[in-house]
Amino acid sequence: MTENGHENVPSRTRRRFPGISSRAYEHPADRSALVALRKLSGFDTAFKALSGLLPERSLRLLYLSDSVRVGDAQFAHLHDMLRDACYILDLEKVPPMYVTQDPKPNAMCIGLDEPIIVVTTGLVDLLDEEEMRAVVGHEVGHALSGHAVYRTVLLFLTGLALKVAWIPLGNVAVMAIVTALREWFRKSELSADRAGLLVGQDLRASMRGLMKLAGGHHLHEMNVDAFLAQAEEYEAGGDLRDSVLKILNVLPRSHPFTTVRAAELKKWSESRDYQRIMDGHYPRRSEDGDTSVTDSFRESANHYADTVRGSRDPLMKLVGDIAGGAGDLGGRLFEKFTGATGDRPGTGDDGKGKDKGPDTA
């Protein structure tokens, strides 16, 4: 049976994580950036000082006046999920949450002074209760990590880039910052997916939600294993040209591709890190001030090195070969893109594996 279009799922006991630090679930690249930012004295204060320039107050008034605020009297089932998510992740102050009319499934956490969570009607209509619980946990994870501040800045800069598009150098400068922020934010989405799993504690529900974001309501026509196989094909398939196209496709996006998110989340759910959290062994917020920036960056660098070594993407494999001393980058790229195995420009190679000697009279 369903009520208001949502499956009635029997309540079950979920583990709670008192005092958990967001470092417990953050992706290494996201964590290293956030640790560095938190260490900068007065950084958050400086960002919040921008509130007069950023459209935060306007956004709050817009949602208050033209959306539905979640509470005991409105969207009560979402309010219960929100309070439950905050209880599990030990977020003391429950952020305001709004449902806004938009057929496109989406959710976000924004705000400088305090985070606010917004979900669209398209998302509410699309997901069942357990799938929605993972999404609410995802947004609460953003709030706990402090992502809302930087997401608000990203939204502002993206709008600014459009306004100064007619100024060549101005647009280039703003877009460089936007591109870097988007790369960070894509990693922050992987962090928030993990937070959603910690709240929902149901990997199948998280997978179903991601599949629905990709394929819509037709869950009976989809299969988790086949969906994950798509991610594997995307990761390993194609040649160097496809690798470059993947980079170009993802650059304008604020979120990673859905199959990639599903594969990353499943991999994390099977990791020792996840199991340790579920067993109650995780970093505490009380220890955040003692976190080493150097150690965080080293962990991030090690993660990327492991990613390159383990990747089956042609470009990543090539980078790994070059790093391992397997050849020169320019020559290998020339061969891969052209299919040539003979002369390489500027190598002095005659195609027979021997160097030509100097010209003699």
Protein backbone atom coordinates (compact mmCIF):
# COMPACT_ATOMS: atom_id res chain seq x y z
CA MET A 1 0.00 0.00 0.00
CA THR A 2 1.07 3.58 -0.56
CA GLU A 3 0.14 6.91 0.91
CA ASN A 4 0.59 10.17 -1.03
CA GLY A 5 2.47 8.21 -3.65
CA HIS A 6 5.10 6.98 -1.17
CA GLU A 7 5.73 3.42 -0.14
CA ASN A 8 5.02 2.70 3.51
CA VAL A 9 8.24 1.18 4.78
CA PRO A 10 8.21 -0.33 8.28
CA SER A 11 10.42 1.61 10.65
CA ARG A 12 13.70 -0.07 11.48
CA THR A 13 16.58 0.67 13.74
CA ARG A 14 19.39 2.62 12.14
CA ARG A 15 22.81 3.18 13.60
CA ARG A 16 23.54 6.68 14.87
CA PHE A 17 26.94 8.36 14.71
CA PRO A 18 27.33 10.76 17.64
CA GLY A 19 29.86 13.53 17.05
CA ILE A 20 30.81 12.20 13.61
CA SER A 21 33.12 14.43 11.60
CA SER A 22 32.32 14.94 7.93
CA ARG A 23 35.89 13.74 7.32
CA ALA A 24 34.58 10.23 7.94
CA TYR A 25 32.69 10.12 4.65
CA GLU A 26 34.30 12.81 2.53
CA HIS A 27 35.99 11.87 -0.74
CA PRO A 28 39.78 12.42 -0.38
CA ALA A 29 39.86 15.28 -2.91
CA ASP A 30 36.89 16.97 -1.24
CA ARG A 31 38.35 16.43 2.24
CA SER A 32 41.79 17.85 1.45
CA ALA A 33 40.28 21.01 -0.03
CA LEU A 34 37.93 21.50 2.92
CA VAL A 35 40.64 20.86 5.54
CA ALA A 36 42.83 23.49 3.87
CA LEU A 37 39.97 26.00 3.70
CA ARG A 38 39.02 25.43 7.34
CA LYS A 39 42.62 26.05 8.38
CA LEU A 40 42.62 29.51 6.78
CA SER A 41 41.94 31.93 9.60
CA GLY A 42 38.85 33.99 8.94
CA PHE A 43 38.10 32.28 5.61
CA ASP A 44 34.45 31.50 6.37
CA THR A 45 34.03 34.99 7.85
CA ALA A 46 35.36 36.52 4.64
CA PHE A 47 33.04 34.38 2.54
CA LYS A 48 30.06 35.30 4.65
CA ALA A 49 31.03 38.97 4.32
CA LEU A 50 30.17 38.53 0.64
CA SER A 51 26.54 38.00 1.59
CA GLY A 52 25.77 41.56 0.57
CA LEU A 53 26.96 40.72 -2.96
CA LEU A 54 25.62 37.19 -3.22
CA PRO A 55 21.91 36.55 -3.85
CA GLU A 56 21.43 34.53 -0.66
CA ARG A 57 18.82 36.77 0.96
CA SER A 58 16.96 36.92 -2.33
CA LEU A 59 16.99 33.12 -2.59
CA ARG A 60 15.70 32.70 0.96
CA LEU A 61 12.85 35.15 0.33
CA LEU A 62 12.09 33.46 -2.99
CA TYR A 63 11.72 30.01 -1.46
CA LEU A 64 9.79 31.38 1.52
CA SER A 65 7.32 33.17 -0.76
CA ASP A 66 6.99 30.76 -3.68
CA SER A 67 7.73 27.26 -2.33
CA VAL A 68 6.35 25.04 0.44
CA ARG A 69 8.32 24.91 3.69
CA VAL A 70 8.56 21.39 5.05
CA GLY A 71 7.28 20.95 8.60
CA ASP A 72 4.84 19.06 10.79
CA ALA A 73 1.91 20.53 8.83
CA GLN A 74 3.40 20.35 5.32
CA PHE A 75 5.20 17.37 3.75
CA ALA A 76 5.36 15.83 7.20
CA HIS A 77 6.97 12.64 5.90
CA LEU A 78 9.88 14.70 4.51
CA HIS A 79 10.17 16.57 7.79
CA ASP A 80 10.43 13.27 9.66
CA MET A 81 13.18 12.13 7.28
CA LEU A 82 15.03 15.42 7.71
CA ARG A 83 14.97 15.25 11.50
CA ASP A 84 15.98 11.59 11.37
CA ALA A 85 18.92 12.35 9.08
CA CYS A 86 20.11 15.16 11.37
CA TYR A 87 19.77 12.82 14.36
CA ILE A 88 21.82 10.05 12.70
CA LEU A 89 24.62 12.41 11.61
CA ASP A 90 24.34 14.37 14.87
CA LEU A 91 23.66 17.72 13.17
CA GLU A 92 22.30 19.78 16.03
CA LYS A 93 20.42 22.45 14.08
CA VAL A 94 17.90 21.10 11.56
CA PRO A 95 18.19 23.15 8.33
CA PRO A 96 15.04 24.67 6.80
CA MET A 97 13.77 22.58 3.88
CA TYR A 98 11.55 23.60 0.98
CA VAL A 99 9.69 21.80 -1.81
CA THR A 100 9.59 23.82 -5.00
CA GLN A 101 7.49 23.21 -8.11
CA ASP A 102 9.80 21.90 -10.84
CA PRO A 103 9.25 18.74 -12.90
CA LYS A 104 13.01 18.15 -13.13
CA PRO A 105 14.24 15.91 -10.28
CA ASN A 106 16.75 17.90 -8.27
CA ALA A 107 17.87 18.81 -4.76
CA MET A 108 20.42 21.24 -3.38
CA CYS A 109 21.85 22.66 -0.18
CA ILE A 110 22.82 26.34 -0.30
CA GLY A 111 23.37 29.26 2.05
CA LEU A 112 26.13 31.28 3.68
CA ASP A 113 24.84 32.11 7.16
CA GLU A 114 23.00 28.80 7.49
CA PRO A 115 22.23 26.04 4.98
CA ILE A 116 18.80 25.56 3.44
CA ILE A 117 17.73 22.43 1.58
CA VAL A 118 15.53 22.57 -1.51
CA VAL A 119 13.96 19.58 -3.29
CA THR A 120 11.83 19.71 -6.41
CA THR A 121 8.40 18.18 -6.88
CA GLY A 122 9.90 16.13 -9.70
CA LEU A 123 12.19 14.43 -7.20
CA VAL A 124 9.46 13.94 -4.58
CA ASP A 125 7.22 12.32 -7.19
CA LEU A 126 10.01 10.12 -8.55
CA LEU A 127 11.40 8.45 -5.43
CA ASP A 128 9.93 6.07 -2.88
CA GLU A 129 10.43 6.65 0.85
CA GLU A 130 13.74 4.84 1.30
CA GLU A 131 15.19 6.36 -1.88
CA MET A 132 14.11 9.81 -0.68
CA ARG A 133 15.66 9.14 2.72
CA ALA A 134 19.04 8.66 1.02
CA VAL A 135 18.60 11.97 -0.85
CA VAL A 136 17.71 13.85 2.35
CA GLY A 137 20.77 12.29 4.00
CA HIS A 138 22.81 13.38 0.99
CA GLU A 139 21.75 17.01 1.50
CA VAL A 140 22.30 16.87 5.27
CA GLY A 141 25.79 15.55 4.47
CA HIS A 142 26.36 18.68 2.37
CA ALA A 143 25.24 20.79 5.33
CA LEU A 144 27.50 18.98 7.80
CA SER A 145 30.51 19.33 5.49
CA GLY A 146 29.93 23.05 4.97
CA HIS A 147 29.45 22.61 1.24
CA ALA A 148 26.51 25.02 1.18
CA VAL A 149 28.80 28.05 1.45
CA TYR A 150 30.92 27.09 -1.55
CA ARG A 151 27.93 25.92 -3.60
CA THR A 152 26.34 29.34 -3.11
CA VAL A 153 29.53 31.00 -4.32
CA LEU A 154 29.60 28.65 -7.33
CA LEU A 155 26.03 29.60 -8.24
CA PHE A 156 26.94 33.28 -7.95
CA LEU A 157 30.09 32.96 -10.07
CA THR A 158 28.29 30.93 -12.72
CA GLY A 159 25.74 33.73 -13.05
CA LEU A 160 28.53 36.31 -13.04
CA ALA A 161 30.32 34.49 -15.86
CA LEU A 162 27.23 34.87 -18.03
CA LYS A 163 27.00 38.59 -17.24
CA VAL A 164 30.64 39.32 -18.11
CA ALA A 165 30.78 37.01 -21.13
CA TRP A 166 31.25 40.07 -23.36
CA ILE A 167 34.51 40.93 -21.52
CA PRO A 168 37.03 38.42 -22.93
CA LEU A 169 39.62 38.43 -20.15
CA GLY A 170 37.04 38.91 -17.41
CA ASN A 171 35.07 35.90 -18.60
CA VAL A 172 38.21 33.76 -18.86
CA ALA A 173 39.20 34.62 -15.28
CA VAL A 174 35.76 33.89 -13.84
CA MET A 175 35.34 30.67 -15.83
CA ALA A 176 38.72 29.41 -14.61
CA ILE A 177 37.47 29.74 -11.04
CA VAL A 178 34.09 28.22 -11.95
CA THR A 179 35.79 25.23 -13.63
CA ALA A 180 37.95 24.59 -10.56
CA LEU A 181 34.95 24.90 -8.23
CA ARG A 182 32.94 22.51 -10.39
CA GLU A 183 35.72 19.92 -10.23
CA TRP A 184 35.75 20.21 -6.43
CA PHE A 185 31.95 20.12 -6.26
CA ARG A 186 31.74 16.94 -8.33
CA LYS A 187 33.91 15.29 -5.67
CA SER A 188 31.74 16.78 -2.93
CA GLU A 189 28.74 15.05 -4.52
CA LEU A 190 30.49 11.71 -4.07
CA SER A 191 31.00 12.65 -0.40
CA ALA A 192 27.32 13.50 0.01
CA ASP A 193 26.29 10.21 -1.65
CA ARG A 194 28.24 8.46 1.12
CA ALA A 195 26.46 10.54 3.75
CA GLY A 196 23.15 9.51 2.18
CA LEU A 197 24.13 5.86 2.56
CA LEU A 198 25.09 6.41 6.21
CA VAL A 199 21.65 7.92 6.84
CA GLY A 200 19.56 5.46 4.81
CA GLN A 201 21.78 2.44 5.53
CA ASP A 202 20.22 0.73 2.51
CA LEU A 203 22.56 0.41 -0.48
CA ARG A 204 19.80 -0.95 -2.69
CA ALA A 205 17.67 2.14 -2.08
CA SER A 206 20.61 4.42 -2.91
CA MET A 207 21.21 2.47 -6.13
CA ARG A 208 17.54 2.62 -7.08
CA GLY A 209 17.46 6.37 -6.55
CA LEU A 210 20.47 6.92 -8.82
CA MET A 211 18.97 4.63 -11.47
CA LYS A 212 15.72 6.61 -11.39
CA LEU A 213 17.63 9.86 -11.82
CA ALA A 214 19.09 8.36 -14.99
CA GLY A 215 16.09 6.43 -16.34
CA GLY A 216 12.96 7.84 -14.73
CA HIS A 217 9.99 6.00 -13.21
CA HIS A 218 10.51 2.74 -15.09
CA LEU A 219 12.31 0.90 -12.31
CA HIS A 220 10.77 -2.43 -13.35
CA GLU A 221 12.63 -2.02 -16.68
CA MET A 222 16.01 -1.47 -15.01
CA ASN A 223 18.56 -3.67 -13.28
CA VAL A 224 21.24 -2.61 -10.78
CA ASP A 225 23.87 -5.05 -12.09
CA ALA A 226 23.31 -3.95 -15.68
CA PHE A 227 23.43 -0.30 -14.58
CA LEU A 228 26.77 -0.86 -12.84
CA ALA A 229 28.02 -2.69 -15.94
CA GLN A 230 27.39 0.54 -17.86
CA ALA A 231 29.74 2.34 -15.45
CA GLU A 232 32.39 -0.32 -16.03
CA GLU A 233 31.98 -0.01 -19.81
CA TYR A 234 32.21 3.78 -19.54
CA GLU A 235 35.35 3.54 -17.44
CA ALA A 236 37.21 1.06 -19.64
CA GLY A 237 35.72 1.54 -23.09
CA GLY A 238 36.93 3.48 -26.11
CA ASP A 239 40.30 4.93 -27.03
CA LEU A 240 42.16 8.13 -26.16
CA ARG A 241 39.76 10.21 -28.21
CA ASP A 242 36.88 8.90 -26.10
CA SER A 243 38.88 9.72 -22.94
CA VAL A 244 39.22 13.33 -24.06
CA LEU A 245 35.52 13.49 -24.92
CA LYS A 246 34.67 12.20 -21.43
CA ILE A 247 36.63 15.09 -19.92
CA LEU A 248 34.93 17.62 -22.20
CA ASN A 249 31.48 16.18 -21.41
CA VAL A 250 31.94 16.39 -17.65
CA LEU A 251 33.56 19.87 -17.46
CA PRO A 252 30.31 21.90 -17.53
CA ARG A 253 28.57 19.61 -15.03
CA SER A 254 28.24 20.19 -11.28
CA HIS A 255 27.56 16.48 -10.66
CA PRO A 256 29.42 13.35 -11.79
CA PHE A 257 27.61 11.09 -14.25
CA THR A 258 24.98 8.93 -12.56
CA THR A 259 26.51 5.55 -13.42
CA VAL A 260 29.85 6.76 -12.08
CA ARG A 261 28.19 7.86 -8.82
CA ALA A 262 26.55 4.44 -8.45
CA ALA A 263 29.82 2.59 -9.04
CA GLU A 264 31.74 4.86 -6.64
CA LEU A 265 29.13 4.42 -3.91
CA LYS A 266 29.05 0.64 -4.26
CA LYS A 267 32.85 0.52 -4.10
CA TRP A 268 32.85 2.62 -0.92
CA SER A 269 30.10 0.50 0.66
CA GLU A 270 32.39 -2.53 0.28
CA SER A 271 35.42 -0.77 1.73
CA ARG A 272 36.98 -1.14 5.15
CA ASP A 273 36.42 2.60 5.77
CA TYR A 274 32.64 2.16 5.52
CA GLN A 275 32.64 -0.91 7.73
CA ARG A 276 34.69 0.89 10.39
CA ILE A 277 32.17 3.73 10.46
CA MET A 278 29.30 1.27 10.83
CA ASP A 279 31.19 -0.37 13.68
CA GLY A 280 31.46 2.99 15.46
CA HIS A 281 35.08 3.79 14.61
CA TYR A 282 35.20 7.16 12.87
CA PRO A 283 36.79 10.64 13.20
CA ARG A 284 35.03 12.97 15.62
CA ARG A 285 34.28 16.66 15.13
CA SER A 286 36.17 17.37 18.32
CA GLU A 287 39.33 16.27 16.50
CA ASP A 288 38.85 18.43 13.39
CA GLY A 289 41.10 21.21 14.68
CA ASP A 290 44.03 18.79 14.95
CA THR A 291 43.73 17.61 11.35
CA SER A 292 46.91 18.02 9.32
CA VAL A 293 46.57 19.76 5.96
CA THR A 294 49.71 17.97 4.75
CA ASP A 295 48.31 14.56 5.68
CA SER A 296 45.02 15.38 3.95
CA PHE A 297 46.75 16.41 0.75
CA ARG A 298 48.98 13.35 0.91
CA GLU A 299 45.93 11.12 1.25
CA SER A 300 44.29 12.89 -1.68
CA ALA A 301 47.43 12.48 -3.80
CA ASN A 302 47.68 8.80 -2.90
CA HIS A 303 44.03 8.33 -3.83
CA TYR A 304 44.57 9.85 -7.28
CA ALA A 305 47.73 7.80 -7.78
CA ASP A 306 45.80 4.63 -6.92
CA THR A 307 43.00 5.73 -9.26
CA VAL A 308 45.45 6.20 -12.14
CA ARG A 309 47.14 2.86 -11.47
CA GLY A 310 43.85 0.97 -11.20
CA SER A 311 41.97 2.73 -13.99
CA ARG A 312 41.20 1.01 -17.27
CA ASP A 313 40.50 4.31 -19.01
CA PRO A 314 42.95 4.58 -21.95
CA LEU A 315 44.14 8.07 -21.01
CA MET A 316 44.63 7.15 -17.36
CA LYS A 317 46.52 4.00 -18.38
CA LEU A 318 48.75 6.10 -20.61
CA VAL A 319 49.42 8.57 -17.80
CA GLY A 320 50.28 5.63 -15.55
CA ASP A 321 52.66 4.22 -18.18
CA ILE A 322 54.38 7.59 -18.58
CA ALA A 323 54.69 8.00 -14.81
CA GLY A 324 56.23 4.54 -14.72
CA GLY A 325 58.78 5.46 -17.35
CA ALA A 326 57.22 3.45 -20.16
CA GLY A 327 57.70 6.12 -22.82
CA ASP A 328 57.46 9.75 -23.80
CA LEU A 329 54.04 11.41 -23.55
CA GLY A 330 54.13 13.30 -26.86
CA GLY A 331 55.16 10.27 -28.87
CA ARG A 332 52.65 7.96 -27.22
CA LEU A 333 49.83 10.44 -27.76
CA PHE A 334 50.85 10.82 -31.42
CA GLU A 335 50.70 7.06 -31.90
CA LYS A 336 47.38 6.63 -30.09
CA PHE A 337 45.57 9.43 -31.90
CA THR A 338 46.95 8.77 -35.39
CA GLY A 339 47.50 5.03 -35.26
CA ALA A 340 51.02 5.63 -36.58
CA THR A 341 53.82 3.36 -35.49
CA GLY A 342 56.54 4.73 -37.71
CA ASP A 343 58.09 8.19 -37.78
CA ARG A 344 57.21 10.54 -34.97
CA PRO A 345 57.68 14.24 -35.52
CA GLY A 346 60.97 15.42 -34.07
CA THR A 347 62.11 12.04 -32.75
CA GLY A 348 64.78 11.29 -35.31
CA ASP A 349 63.47 7.71 -35.48
CA ASP A 350 63.47 6.04 -38.90
CA GLY A 351 60.78 3.57 -37.86
CA LYS A 352 63.27 0.70 -37.54
CA GLY A 353 64.17 1.36 -33.95
CA LYS A 354 67.59 2.89 -34.86
CA ASP A 355 68.71 6.49 -34.69
CA LYS A 356 70.01 8.00 -37.88
CA GLY A 357 73.59 9.09 -37.58
CA PRO A 358 74.66 12.63 -38.40
CA ASP A 359 74.86 13.54 -42.08
CA THR A 360 78.31 12.97 -43.55
CA ALA A 361 79.85 14.39 -46.71
